[in-house]
Amino acid sequence: MKNLGIVLLLSLLSSVAAAHPLMDKFDLNSDGLVTNQELKEAGCSARDSKFKAADKNGDGSLTKRELLKAKNFLLSSSQCAKKSS
């Protein structure tokens, strides 16, 4: 029973972590991380150096926190095409 509670808590926390419009837009595989490839597939042409600067822990992907902190210089309108919905 204790393990079930832990699993439920972890699944709730993981879904809350990804619940942000930017994550919804750029996390194309819904793994809670955004890669440079996902940004490119979503229409952004951010330089690799800017992506690396945003990737504070150097793991090759951005967490929600890293993405939100870098959104102003990484996701500017000149680098990300606006897709019509």
C-alpha atoms as a PDB file:
ATOM      1  CA  MET A   1       0.000   0.000   0.000  1.00  0.00           C
ATOM      2  CA  LYS A   2       2.878   2.326   0.818  1.00  0.00           C
ATOM      3  CA  ASN A   3       4.433   1.692  -2.608  1.00  0.00           C
ATOM      4  CA  LEU A   4       1.144   2.487  -4.331  1.00  0.00           C
ATOM      5  CA  GLY A   5       1.016   5.830  -2.525  1.00  0.00           C
ATOM      6  CA  ILE A   6       4.555   6.644  -3.622  1.00  0.00           C
ATOM      7  CA  VAL A   7       3.778   5.749  -7.242  1.00  0.00           C
ATOM      8  CA  LEU A   8       0.647   7.898  -7.221  1.00  0.00           C
ATOM      9  CA  LEU A   9       2.521  10.820  -5.686  1.00  0.00           C
ATOM     10  CA  LEU A  10       5.332  10.573  -8.234  1.00  0.00           C
ATOM     11  CA  SER A  11       2.928  10.413 -11.166  1.00  0.00           C
ATOM     12  CA  LEU A  12       1.053  13.445  -9.842  1.00  0.00           C
ATOM     13  CA  LEU A  13       4.270  15.403  -9.421  1.00  0.00           C
ATOM     14  CA  SER A  14       5.505  14.510 -12.893  1.00  0.00           C
ATOM     15  CA  SER A  15       2.265  15.647 -14.515  1.00  0.00           C
ATOM     16  CA  VAL A  16       2.319  18.910 -12.532  1.00  0.00           C
ATOM     17  CA  ALA A  17       5.944  19.526 -13.547  1.00  0.00           C
ATOM     18  CA  ALA A  18       5.081  19.436 -17.244  1.00  0.00           C
ATOM     19  CA  ALA A  19       1.891  21.478 -16.929  1.00  0.00           C
ATOM     20  CA  HIS A  20       3.028  24.705 -18.570  1.00  0.00           C
ATOM     21  CA  PRO A  21       2.146  26.107 -21.998  1.00  0.00           C
ATOM     22  CA  LEU A  22       5.797  26.233 -23.088  1.00  0.00           C
ATOM     23  CA  MET A  23       6.334  22.621 -22.105  1.00  0.00           C
ATOM     24  CA  ASP A  24       3.136  21.673 -23.914  1.00  0.00           C
ATOM     25  CA  LYS A  25       4.387  23.438 -27.037  1.00  0.00           C
ATOM     26  CA  PHE A  26       8.013  22.282 -27.091  1.00  0.00           C
ATOM     27  CA  ASP A  27       8.122  18.954 -25.221  1.00  0.00           C
ATOM     28  CA  LEU A  28       7.017  17.012 -28.264  1.00  0.00           C
ATOM     29  CA  ASN A  29       7.545  13.537 -26.776  1.00  0.00           C
ATOM     30  CA  SER A  30       6.016  14.477 -23.381  1.00  0.00           C
ATOM     31  CA  ASP A  31       8.981  13.275 -21.326  1.00  0.00           C
ATOM     32  CA  GLY A  32       9.170  16.441 -19.208  1.00  0.00           C
ATOM     33  CA  LEU A  33      12.299  17.704 -21.006  1.00  0.00           C
ATOM     34  CA  VAL A  34      12.894  19.821 -24.105  1.00  0.00           C
ATOM     35  CA  THR A  35      15.792  19.009 -26.410  1.00  0.00           C
ATOM     36  CA  ASN A  36      17.310  21.280 -29.033  1.00  0.00           C
ATOM     37  CA  GLN A  37      15.893  18.924 -31.672  1.00  0.00           C
ATOM     38  CA  GLU A  38      12.384  19.361 -30.239  1.00  0.00           C
ATOM     39  CA  LEU A  39      12.798  23.138 -30.390  1.00  0.00           C
ATOM     40  CA  LYS A  40      13.830  22.885 -34.037  1.00  0.00           C
ATOM     41  CA  GLU A  41      10.913  20.569 -34.851  1.00  0.00           C
ATOM     42  CA  ALA A  42       8.573  23.095 -33.204  1.00  0.00           C
ATOM     43  CA  GLY A  43       9.871  25.864 -35.497  1.00  0.00           C
ATOM     44  CA  CYS A  44      12.639  27.467 -33.423  1.00  0.00           C
ATOM     45  CA  SER A  45      16.072  28.139 -34.827  1.00  0.00           C
ATOM     46  CA  ALA A  46      17.957  28.866 -31.602  1.00  0.00           C
ATOM     47  CA  ARG A  47      21.717  28.633 -31.877  1.00  0.00           C
ATOM     48  CA  ASP A  48      23.368  25.649 -30.257  1.00  0.00           C
ATOM     49  CA  SER A  49      25.389  28.020 -28.060  1.00  0.00           C
ATOM     50  CA  LYS A  50      22.196  29.603 -26.691  1.00  0.00           C
ATOM     51  CA  PHE A  51      20.699  26.188 -25.996  1.00  0.00           C
ATOM     52  CA  LYS A  52      23.869  25.101 -24.199  1.00  0.00           C
ATOM     53  CA  ALA A  53      23.819  28.294 -22.120  1.00  0.00           C
ATOM     54  CA  ALA A  54      20.223  27.567 -21.106  1.00  0.00           C
ATOM     55  CA  ASP A  55      21.068  23.938 -20.263  1.00  0.00           C
ATOM     56  CA  LYS A  56      22.555  24.684 -16.846  1.00  0.00           C
ATOM     57  CA  ASN A  57      23.268  21.084 -15.859  1.00  0.00           C
ATOM     58  CA  GLY A  58      24.678  20.184 -19.277  1.00  0.00           C
ATOM     59  CA  ASP A  59      22.534  17.080 -19.813  1.00  0.00           C
ATOM     60  CA  GLY A  60      21.477  18.038 -23.355  1.00  0.00           C
ATOM     61  CA  SER A  61      17.890  18.868 -22.483  1.00  0.00           C
ATOM     62  CA  LEU A  62      15.985  21.620 -20.710  1.00  0.00           C
ATOM     63  CA  THR A  63      13.817  21.113 -17.683  1.00  0.00           C
ATOM     64  CA  LYS A  64      10.741  23.275 -17.231  1.00  0.00           C
ATOM     65  CA  ARG A  65      12.754  25.489 -14.902  1.00  0.00           C
ATOM     66  CA  GLU A  66      15.634  25.885 -17.385  1.00  0.00           C
ATOM     67  CA  LEU A  67      13.217  26.593 -20.231  1.00  0.00           C
ATOM     68  CA  LEU A  68      11.321  29.245 -18.272  1.00  0.00           C
ATOM     69  CA  LYS A  69      14.518  30.969 -17.165  1.00  0.00           C
ATOM     70  CA  ALA A  70      15.826  31.060 -20.749  1.00  0.00           C
ATOM     71  CA  LYS A  71      12.597  31.805 -22.606  1.00  0.00           C
ATOM     72  CA  ASN A  72      13.374  35.479 -23.267  1.00  0.00           C
ATOM     73  CA  PHE A  73      16.687  34.893 -25.035  1.00  0.00           C
ATOM     74  CA  LEU A  74      16.101  31.365 -26.316  1.00  0.00           C
ATOM     75  CA  LEU A  75      12.546  31.638 -27.630  1.00  0.00           C
ATOM     76  CA  SER A  76      12.419  35.132 -29.084  1.00  0.00           C
ATOM     77  CA  SER A  77       9.982  35.799 -31.903  1.00  0.00           C
ATOM     78  CA  SER A  78      12.859  36.145 -34.371  1.00  0.00           C
ATOM     79  CA  GLN A  79      14.011  32.601 -33.529  1.00  0.00           C
ATOM     80  CA  CYS A  80      10.658  30.840 -33.181  1.00  0.00           C
ATOM     81  CA  ALA A  81       8.106  30.984 -35.946  1.00  0.00           C
ATOM     82  CA  LYS A  82       4.567  31.444 -34.741  1.00  0.00           C
ATOM     83  CA  LYS A  83       2.413  28.568 -35.885  1.00  0.00           C
ATOM     84  CA  SER A  84      -1.211  29.276 -36.469  1.00  0.00           C
ATOM     85  CA  SER A  85      -3.528  26.990 -34.521  1.00  0.00           C
END
